[in-house]
Amino acid sequence: MKKLTILTMAILMLFSIACGGKKDDGIITLKGYRYGDPSDAQFKVDERIIEAFEIQNPNIKIEWEYVMGEPYHQKLQSMVAANTVPDIFTMWLGARGDYVTDRGAAMDLSPFITAEMKSNFDPNVWEAQGDNGEIYIISPTATTSHLMFGNKKLMDELGLTFPKTHEELIEQGKIIREAGLIPVALSGKDDWVINSVLLSALVGRYGGKEWFDKASIGEASFADKNFVMALDVIQDLIYNQMFAPGVTQLSYTQGFEIYIQEKAVYLIDASWKLNAMIQDAPELSKNTEVGIYPAVPGETYPNSTSTVYGDHLAINSKLSEEKAAAAFKFIMFHVGKEGSDMKMKDGLLTTYNLDPNDYEMHPLTQKYIDVVNSTSKSYVIDAIMNPEGMGVLNPAVQSMMLGEKTSQEVADDYEAWVAKKDSNRKK
């Protein structure tokens, strides 16, 4: 009898393993693939959001894998091709995410989204992300990729105020150089920087979203005057010695250091530098003005700056209803009131409608919020166009800054690449 019992138990164990190896305990387990580095200080708020979600939802467990940089995209592309996409994963909008959506690997979240949910967010979050109006991700934050910072102490010493026009900034440059300072800190070595923090905003001033949408699909051209005039502004800044000598050889870190060491009066950078400035230069950050590049000659869309709605989590289109509902519950916790409250307390501006006046904000962050609320939005070039094209555009811009190409030649080079290889032209 004892031998029979042991045999019966062994059979039951084998049957259990064959059926999945675990007893159904009511826990829904999801595999998560996330772009990020948990050891980064800026990622700590995400950790707190995950911990809070797990406490409130003990029946949902997410097993995360984190990868940074290009290896993340390479691995995700491989998983998409092999139909082994994780249950929940970081995805970008625009060309960066096309390899996911074109294969039908991301779920349309529209059926989960109610009118009440929509009313609580920045309306831009709900702009169609697919050809048929699909929504694949809900962006938790909007990143302003172009800002202009000003050292108020140096400005006062030199009798300067934040410039209202490009011409005024050029005139200020003469005064600043005579004082032994650099007019504008900017990094020119890393391929992505000038595109993200300056050129995209200038293209928005001349073309706006409507022209850019046409250029992306070939109904207009990146060799048009809208693009050329934006490049002309950068060329004029170079001609008038507004940047540090050797700007094309300054790494992204070095450009920032020039400003926080108070060797430059102005800095052109992005909103993601706010926390770094607060942490690395606490006194300077309290005495820094925040704005955008001043009005440029012949602009069509004044007072605009380049903005990209952040990457966030998408859901595997092949998930069961139960798992998809659990994944969406986490996403809404992260981007909704609970998660957004934690982000605001950490000094991050969210797409969920919370009143910044209810939070104790650093003065620099409050100035940034004022800029966001008073400017219109334009595109970041490589958030819409294929990022591989920056391997053509950015070196061409650097060549222009060195006097080796004209602005028209840069525009022609980029248009030629887009016409031949960018996926937006093939849709």
Protein backbone atom coordinates (compact mmCIF):
# COMPACT_ATOMS: atom_id res chain seq x y z
CA MET A 1 0.00 0.00 0.00
CA LYS A 2 2.86 2.36 0.89
CA LYS A 3 4.59 1.59 -2.45
CA LEU A 4 1.34 2.32 -4.28
CA THR A 5 0.97 5.66 -2.50
CA ILE A 6 4.52 6.68 -3.39
CA LEU A 7 3.94 5.66 -7.01
CA THR A 8 0.68 7.62 -7.13
CA MET A 9 2.40 10.74 -5.73
CA ALA A 10 5.19 10.45 -8.30
CA ILE A 11 2.66 10.25 -11.13
CA LEU A 12 0.84 13.29 -9.80
CA MET A 13 4.10 15.22 -9.60
CA LEU A 14 4.99 14.34 -13.19
CA PHE A 15 1.51 15.38 -14.29
CA SER A 16 1.91 18.69 -12.47
CA ILE A 17 5.26 19.37 -14.15
CA ALA A 18 3.80 18.49 -17.55
CA CYS A 19 1.00 20.99 -16.94
CA GLY A 20 3.34 23.85 -16.12
CA GLY A 21 5.31 22.89 -13.05
CA LYS A 22 3.35 25.11 -10.63
CA LYS A 23 0.08 24.88 -8.87
CA ASP A 24 -2.37 27.56 -9.95
CA ASP A 25 -2.18 29.98 -7.04
CA GLY A 26 -4.08 32.81 -8.71
CA ILE A 27 -0.96 34.82 -9.48
CA ILE A 28 -0.63 36.27 -12.99
CA THR A 29 3.04 36.37 -13.98
CA LEU A 30 4.20 38.65 -16.77
CA LYS A 31 7.57 38.88 -18.48
CA GLY A 32 8.74 42.49 -18.77
CA TYR A 33 11.51 43.89 -21.01
CA ARG A 34 12.46 47.42 -20.05
CA TYR A 35 14.78 50.07 -21.44
CA GLY A 36 16.69 51.45 -18.47
CA ASP A 37 19.34 51.04 -15.82
CA PRO A 38 17.95 50.39 -12.32
CA SER A 39 21.22 51.59 -10.78
CA ASP A 40 20.72 55.06 -12.29
CA ALA A 41 19.46 57.60 -9.75
CA GLN A 42 16.88 58.84 -12.27
CA PHE A 43 15.34 55.36 -12.31
CA LYS A 44 14.57 55.29 -8.57
CA VAL A 45 11.09 56.73 -8.96
CA ASP A 46 10.24 53.82 -11.27
CA GLU A 47 11.36 51.40 -8.57
CA ARG A 48 9.01 53.07 -6.09
CA ILE A 49 6.13 52.87 -8.56
CA ILE A 50 6.74 49.14 -9.15
CA GLU A 51 6.93 48.46 -5.40
CA ALA A 52 3.68 50.36 -4.74
CA PHE A 53 1.91 48.48 -7.54
CA GLU A 54 3.04 45.09 -6.18
CA ILE A 55 1.74 45.96 -2.72
CA GLN A 56 -1.67 46.94 -4.11
CA ASN A 57 -1.81 44.05 -6.59
CA PRO A 58 -0.24 40.96 -4.98
CA ASN A 59 -1.87 38.74 -7.63
CA ILE A 60 0.20 40.34 -10.46
CA LYS A 61 3.91 39.62 -10.69
CA ILE A 62 6.15 41.15 -13.36
CA GLU A 63 9.60 39.66 -13.92
CA TRP A 64 11.73 42.46 -15.39
CA GLU A 65 14.78 42.41 -17.61
CA TYR A 66 16.59 45.73 -18.12
CA VAL A 67 18.83 46.65 -21.06
CA MET A 68 20.27 50.03 -22.13
CA GLY A 69 21.32 51.60 -25.41
CA GLU A 70 21.42 50.02 -28.84
CA PRO A 71 21.60 46.44 -27.45
CA TYR A 72 18.03 46.93 -26.23
CA HIS A 73 16.74 47.65 -29.73
CA GLN A 74 18.81 44.89 -31.30
CA LYS A 75 17.44 42.29 -28.91
CA LEU A 76 13.85 43.48 -29.26
CA GLN A 77 14.13 43.37 -33.05
CA SER A 78 15.35 39.78 -32.78
CA MET A 79 12.47 38.88 -30.46
CA VAL A 80 9.94 40.46 -32.82
CA ALA A 81 11.38 38.49 -35.75
CA ALA A 82 11.28 35.25 -33.75
CA ASN A 83 7.77 35.86 -32.32
CA THR A 84 9.14 35.74 -28.77
CA VAL A 85 8.10 39.24 -27.71
CA PRO A 86 7.82 39.71 -23.91
CA ASP A 87 4.39 40.28 -22.39
CA ILE A 88 5.15 43.93 -21.70
CA PHE A 89 8.02 45.94 -23.17
CA THR A 90 9.34 49.46 -23.79
CA MET A 91 8.42 50.85 -27.19
CA TRP A 92 9.00 54.13 -29.01
CA LEU A 93 6.64 56.00 -31.28
CA GLY A 94 7.54 56.90 -34.86
CA ALA A 95 10.18 55.15 -36.93
CA ARG A 96 11.89 53.74 -33.81
CA GLY A 97 8.84 51.57 -33.17
CA ASP A 98 7.82 50.71 -36.72
CA TYR A 99 9.60 47.36 -36.69
CA VAL A 100 7.28 46.37 -33.82
CA THR A 101 3.98 47.74 -35.11
CA ASP A 102 4.55 46.73 -38.73
CA ARG A 103 4.79 43.10 -37.59
CA GLY A 104 1.64 43.43 -35.47
CA ALA A 105 3.58 42.67 -32.29
CA ALA A 106 2.11 45.49 -30.17
CA MET A 107 -1.48 45.48 -28.94
CA ASP A 108 -3.83 48.36 -29.72
CA LEU A 109 -4.76 49.74 -26.29
CA SER A 110 -7.80 51.63 -27.58
CA PRO A 111 -10.37 49.08 -26.32
CA PHE A 112 -9.06 49.57 -22.77
CA ILE A 113 -9.14 53.38 -22.90
CA THR A 114 -12.28 55.20 -21.76
CA ALA A 115 -13.37 58.78 -22.32
CA GLU A 116 -12.83 59.45 -18.60
CA MET A 117 -9.22 58.23 -18.83
CA LYS A 118 -8.58 60.50 -21.79
CA SER A 119 -9.93 63.55 -19.99
CA ASN A 120 -7.24 63.20 -17.32
CA PHE A 121 -4.28 63.51 -19.72
CA ASP A 122 -2.59 65.96 -22.04
CA PRO A 123 -4.65 65.58 -25.26
CA ASN A 124 -1.46 65.13 -27.32
CA VAL A 125 -1.04 61.71 -25.69
CA TRP A 126 -4.02 60.42 -27.66
CA GLU A 127 -2.86 61.41 -31.13
CA ALA A 128 -3.17 58.38 -33.43
CA GLN A 129 -0.06 56.18 -33.36
CA GLY A 130 -1.11 53.72 -36.06
CA ASP A 131 -2.52 54.04 -39.56
CA ASN A 132 -6.00 53.18 -38.28
CA GLY A 133 -5.92 55.30 -35.15
CA GLU A 134 -4.29 52.71 -32.89
CA ILE A 135 -2.80 53.65 -29.53
CA TYR A 136 0.18 51.49 -28.62
CA ILE A 137 1.68 53.36 -25.65
CA ILE A 138 0.53 55.99 -23.17
CA SER A 139 3.41 58.44 -22.71
CA PRO A 140 3.91 59.33 -19.02
CA THR A 141 6.02 62.41 -19.69
CA ALA A 142 6.70 64.91 -22.44
CA THR A 143 10.36 65.74 -22.99
CA THR A 144 11.31 69.16 -24.27
CA SER A 145 14.40 68.40 -26.32
CA HIS A 146 15.31 72.08 -26.76
CA LEU A 147 15.70 74.66 -24.01
CA MET A 148 17.97 77.66 -23.58
CA PHE A 149 19.37 78.32 -20.11
CA GLY A 150 20.91 81.60 -18.98
CA ASN A 151 23.27 82.35 -16.08
CA LYS A 152 21.46 85.25 -14.39
CA LYS A 153 24.50 86.36 -12.38
CA LEU A 154 26.68 86.69 -15.50
CA MET A 155 23.85 88.31 -17.42
CA ASP A 156 23.43 90.95 -14.71
CA GLU A 157 27.17 91.60 -14.55
CA LEU A 158 27.26 92.20 -18.30
CA GLY A 159 24.02 94.19 -18.39
CA LEU A 160 22.19 91.57 -20.47
CA THR A 161 18.65 90.28 -20.48
CA PHE A 162 17.40 87.08 -22.06
CA PRO A 163 17.51 87.82 -25.83
CA LYS A 164 14.22 88.21 -27.69
CA THR A 165 15.64 87.76 -31.20
CA HIS A 166 18.46 85.91 -32.93
CA GLU A 167 19.99 89.26 -33.92
CA GLU A 168 19.99 90.43 -30.30
CA LEU A 169 21.73 87.22 -29.22
CA ILE A 170 24.41 87.76 -31.88
CA GLU A 171 24.97 91.32 -30.59
CA GLN A 172 25.24 90.02 -27.03
CA GLY A 173 27.92 87.62 -28.22
CA LYS A 174 30.33 90.50 -28.82
CA ILE A 175 29.93 91.73 -25.23
CA ILE A 176 30.27 88.22 -23.82
CA ARG A 177 33.45 87.43 -25.75
CA GLU A 178 35.02 90.75 -24.70
CA ALA A 179 34.46 89.64 -21.10
CA GLY A 180 36.46 86.46 -21.80
CA LEU A 181 33.38 84.21 -21.74
CA ILE A 182 31.69 81.88 -24.21
CA PRO A 183 28.30 83.11 -25.44
CA VAL A 184 26.58 79.72 -25.82
CA ALA A 185 27.61 76.31 -24.48
CA LEU A 186 26.72 73.52 -26.90
CA SER A 187 28.10 70.06 -27.62
CA GLY A 188 28.86 69.16 -31.22
CA LYS A 189 30.76 65.87 -31.15
CA ASP A 190 28.12 63.28 -30.30
CA ASP A 191 26.03 62.54 -33.38
CA TRP A 192 22.58 63.08 -31.86
CA VAL A 193 23.03 66.30 -29.86
CA ILE A 194 22.68 69.17 -32.36
CA ASN A 195 19.72 67.45 -34.04
CA SER A 196 17.91 66.95 -30.75
CA VAL A 197 18.67 70.11 -28.80
CA LEU A 198 18.75 72.77 -31.53
CA LEU A 199 18.07 71.84 -35.17
CA SER A 200 14.72 70.15 -34.50
CA ALA A 201 13.39 73.25 -32.74
CA LEU A 202 14.58 75.52 -35.55
CA VAL A 203 12.97 73.29 -38.19
CA GLY A 204 9.75 73.59 -36.19
CA ARG A 205 9.98 77.40 -36.32
CA TYR A 206 10.13 77.39 -40.12
CA GLY A 207 8.04 74.37 -41.07
CA GLY A 208 5.84 73.37 -38.16
CA LYS A 209 4.22 69.96 -37.89
CA GLU A 210 2.19 70.24 -41.09
CA TRP A 211 5.19 70.74 -43.38
CA PHE A 212 7.19 68.10 -41.50
CA ASP A 213 4.38 65.54 -41.92
CA LYS A 214 4.44 66.21 -45.68
CA ALA A 215 8.23 66.02 -45.89
CA SER A 216 8.27 62.73 -44.01
CA ILE A 217 6.11 61.01 -46.65
CA GLY A 218 7.54 62.80 -49.70
CA GLU A 219 4.84 65.39 -50.34
CA ALA A 220 7.48 67.98 -49.42
CA SER A 221 11.26 67.73 -49.26
CA PHE A 222 13.92 68.11 -46.61
CA ALA A 223 15.80 70.09 -49.25
CA ASP A 224 13.06 72.76 -49.07
CA LYS A 225 13.81 76.25 -47.74
CA ASN A 226 12.12 75.41 -44.39
CA PHE A 227 14.91 72.98 -43.57
CA VAL A 228 17.66 75.07 -45.17
CA MET A 229 16.70 78.21 -43.21
CA ALA A 230 16.92 76.27 -39.94
CA LEU A 231 20.44 75.18 -40.88
CA ASP A 232 21.27 78.77 -41.83
CA VAL A 233 20.66 79.86 -38.22
CA ILE A 234 23.24 77.36 -36.97
CA GLN A 235 25.66 78.46 -39.66
CA ASP A 236 25.20 82.09 -38.60
CA LEU A 237 25.94 81.16 -34.97
CA ILE A 238 29.19 79.54 -36.11
CA TYR A 239 30.11 82.52 -38.32
CA ASN A 240 29.62 84.87 -35.34
CA GLN A 241 31.70 82.71 -32.98
CA MET A 242 28.85 82.08 -30.57
CA PHE A 243 30.07 78.63 -29.48
CA ALA A 244 33.26 77.46 -27.80
CA PRO A 245 36.26 76.99 -30.09
CA GLY A 246 36.29 73.40 -31.35
CA VAL A 247 32.59 72.93 -30.61
CA THR A 248 32.37 69.96 -33.00
CA GLN A 249 34.87 68.11 -30.79
CA LEU A 250 33.08 68.78 -27.49
CA SER A 251 31.39 65.73 -26.00
CA TYR A 252 27.92 66.03 -24.52
CA THR A 253 29.37 66.03 -20.99
CA GLN A 254 31.97 68.69 -21.83
CA GLY A 255 29.39 71.09 -23.26
CA PHE A 256 27.35 70.89 -20.06
CA GLU A 257 30.44 71.34 -17.88
CA ILE A 258 31.33 74.60 -19.67
CA TYR A 259 28.04 76.05 -18.45
CA ILE A 260 28.04 74.73 -14.87
CA GLN A 261 31.65 75.94 -14.50
CA GLU A 262 30.27 79.40 -15.41
CA LYS A 263 32.47 79.79 -18.47
CA ALA A 264 29.43 80.38 -20.71
CA VAL A 265 26.49 82.75 -20.30
CA TYR A 266 23.95 80.53 -22.10
CA LEU A 267 23.46 76.80 -22.55
CA ILE A 268 21.39 75.05 -25.23
CA ASP A 269 20.27 71.67 -23.98
CA ALA A 270 17.09 69.77 -23.02
CA SER A 271 14.68 69.22 -20.15
CA TRP A 272 16.44 65.99 -19.16
CA LYS A 273 19.32 68.16 -17.91
CA LEU A 274 17.20 69.85 -15.24
CA ASN A 275 17.83 67.31 -12.49
CA ALA A 276 21.52 67.04 -13.40
CA MET A 277 21.90 70.82 -13.08
CA ILE A 278 20.07 70.86 -9.75
CA GLN A 279 22.29 68.08 -8.38
CA ASP A 280 25.64 69.11 -9.91
CA ALA A 281 25.35 72.89 -9.60
CA PRO A 282 22.84 73.66 -6.81
CA GLU A 283 23.70 77.37 -6.50
CA LEU A 284 23.83 77.98 -10.24
CA SER A 285 20.54 76.13 -10.75
CA LYS A 286 18.81 78.60 -8.43
CA ASN A 287 20.22 81.45 -10.49
CA THR A 288 19.52 80.07 -13.98
CA GLU A 289 16.87 81.44 -16.32
CA VAL A 290 14.99 79.02 -18.58
CA GLY A 291 13.59 79.83 -22.00
CA ILE A 292 13.83 78.78 -25.64
CA TYR A 293 15.88 80.05 -28.55
CA PRO A 294 14.80 83.60 -29.42
CA ALA A 295 12.81 84.53 -32.53
CA VAL A 296 14.64 83.72 -35.78
CA PRO A 297 14.44 85.67 -39.06
CA GLY A 298 11.47 84.70 -41.23
CA GLU A 299 10.00 82.16 -38.81
CA THR A 300 6.47 80.94 -39.48
CA TYR A 301 5.76 79.26 -36.13
CA PRO A 302 7.10 81.56 -33.38
CA ASN A 303 7.50 80.58 -29.75
CA SER A 304 7.66 76.85 -30.45
CA THR A 305 10.10 74.21 -29.28
CA SER A 306 10.76 70.57 -30.07
CA THR A 307 8.97 68.08 -27.87
CA VAL A 308 8.81 64.31 -27.87
CA TYR A 309 6.32 62.24 -25.92
CA GLY A 310 8.24 59.63 -24.03
CA ASP A 311 8.68 56.00 -24.79
CA HIS A 312 6.68 53.69 -22.57
CA LEU A 313 5.34 50.19 -22.14
CA ALA A 314 3.50 48.33 -24.88
CA ILE A 315 1.69 45.02 -24.58
CA ASN A 316 2.32 41.88 -26.62
CA SER A 317 -0.56 41.62 -29.08
CA LYS A 318 -0.84 37.86 -28.55
CA LEU A 319 -1.52 37.95 -24.80
CA SER A 320 -4.62 36.34 -23.35
CA GLU A 321 -7.38 38.66 -22.13
CA GLU A 322 -6.43 37.97 -18.52
CA LYS A 323 -2.74 38.79 -18.99
CA ALA A 324 -3.46 41.80 -21.20
CA ALA A 325 -5.81 43.21 -18.54
CA ALA A 326 -3.11 42.72 -15.88
CA ALA A 327 -0.48 44.41 -18.06
CA PHE A 328 -2.77 47.35 -18.78
CA LYS A 329 -3.52 47.68 -15.08
CA PHE A 330 0.19 48.18 -14.40
CA ILE A 331 0.55 50.66 -17.26
CA MET A 332 -2.33 52.76 -15.95
CA PHE A 333 -0.92 52.66 -12.44
CA HIS A 334 2.40 53.90 -13.80
CA VAL A 335 1.07 56.70 -16.03
CA GLY A 336 -2.10 57.48 -14.03
CA LYS A 337 -2.70 59.35 -10.81
CA GLU A 338 -0.67 57.12 -8.45
CA GLY A 339 2.46 56.89 -10.56
CA SER A 340 2.25 60.49 -11.75
CA ASP A 341 1.99 61.72 -8.17
CA MET A 342 5.28 59.96 -7.37
CA LYS A 343 6.91 61.44 -10.47
CA MET A 344 5.75 64.97 -9.64
CA LYS A 345 7.16 64.63 -6.13
CA ASP A 346 10.45 63.71 -7.83
CA GLY A 347 10.34 66.90 -9.93
CA LEU A 348 9.13 65.32 -13.19
CA LEU A 349 6.38 66.92 -15.25
CA THR A 350 3.77 64.35 -16.28
CA THR A 351 1.17 64.03 -19.03
CA TYR A 352 -1.41 63.17 -16.37
CA ASN A 353 -3.18 66.36 -15.29
CA LEU A 354 -1.87 67.14 -11.82
CA ASP A 355 -1.48 70.72 -10.59
CA PRO A 356 2.23 71.55 -10.15
CA ASN A 357 1.19 74.12 -7.53
CA ASP A 358 0.30 71.22 -5.25
CA TYR A 359 3.95 70.13 -5.21
CA GLU A 360 7.11 71.67 -3.82
CA MET A 361 9.08 72.27 -7.00
CA HIS A 362 12.67 73.45 -7.35
CA PRO A 363 12.73 77.00 -8.79
CA LEU A 364 14.44 75.71 -11.95
CA THR A 365 11.72 73.09 -12.46
CA GLN A 366 9.02 75.73 -11.92
CA LYS A 367 10.62 77.95 -14.56
CA TYR A 368 10.62 75.00 -16.95
CA ILE A 369 6.92 74.37 -16.28
CA ASP A 370 6.22 78.00 -17.13
CA VAL A 371 8.05 77.56 -20.46
CA VAL A 372 6.11 74.38 -21.26
CA ASN A 373 2.80 76.12 -20.56
CA SER A 374 3.64 79.11 -22.76
CA THR A 375 5.09 77.47 -25.90
CA SER A 376 3.72 75.39 -28.75
CA LYS A 377 5.21 72.03 -29.71
CA SER A 378 7.12 70.82 -32.77
CA TYR A 379 8.75 67.49 -33.64
CA VAL A 380 12.14 66.01 -32.80
CA ILE A 381 13.48 64.90 -36.17
CA ASP A 382 14.59 61.37 -35.29
CA ALA A 383 11.43 60.72 -33.28
CA ILE A 384 9.54 60.76 -36.59
CA MET A 385 12.17 59.81 -39.16
CA ASN A 386 14.31 56.67 -39.09
CA PRO A 387 17.11 57.12 -36.54
CA GLU A 388 19.61 55.60 -38.98
CA GLY A 389 19.26 58.79 -41.02
CA MET A 390 20.99 60.71 -38.25
CA GLY A 391 24.15 58.92 -39.38
CA VAL A 392 23.89 61.07 -42.51
CA LEU A 393 22.36 64.28 -41.15
CA ASN A 394 24.48 64.82 -38.06
CA PRO A 395 27.91 64.39 -39.72
CA ALA A 396 26.71 66.68 -42.52
CA VAL A 397 25.76 69.35 -39.97
CA GLN A 398 29.17 68.98 -38.34
CA SER A 399 30.80 69.43 -41.76
CA MET A 400 28.75 72.60 -42.24
CA MET A 401 29.93 73.89 -38.87
CA LEU A 402 33.51 73.31 -40.01
CA GLY A 403 32.89 75.23 -43.22
CA GLU A 404 33.06 72.16 -45.46
CA LYS A 405 29.41 72.14 -46.60
CA THR A 406 26.69 74.71 -47.21
CA SER A 407 23.31 74.47 -45.51
CA GLN A 408 21.72 73.55 -48.84
CA GLU A 409 24.22 70.73 -49.36
CA VAL A 410 23.39 69.36 -45.89
CA ALA A 411 19.68 69.47 -46.68
CA ASP A 412 20.26 67.81 -50.07
CA ASP A 413 22.30 65.02 -48.48
CA TYR A 414 19.62 64.25 -45.93
CA GLU A 415 16.77 64.39 -48.45
CA ALA A 416 18.66 61.97 -50.73
CA TRP A 417 19.01 59.46 -47.89
CA VAL A 418 15.37 59.83 -46.80
CA ALA A 419 14.10 59.40 -50.36
CA LYS A 420 16.06 56.21 -50.79
CA LYS A 421 15.98 54.53 -47.38
CA ASP A 422 13.58 56.05 -44.84
CA SER A 423 10.61 53.80 -44.12
CA ASN A 424 8.24 56.80 -43.90
CA ARG A 425 8.60 57.20 -47.68
CA LYS A 426 7.65 53.57 -48.29
CA LYS A 427 4.28 53.58 -46.57
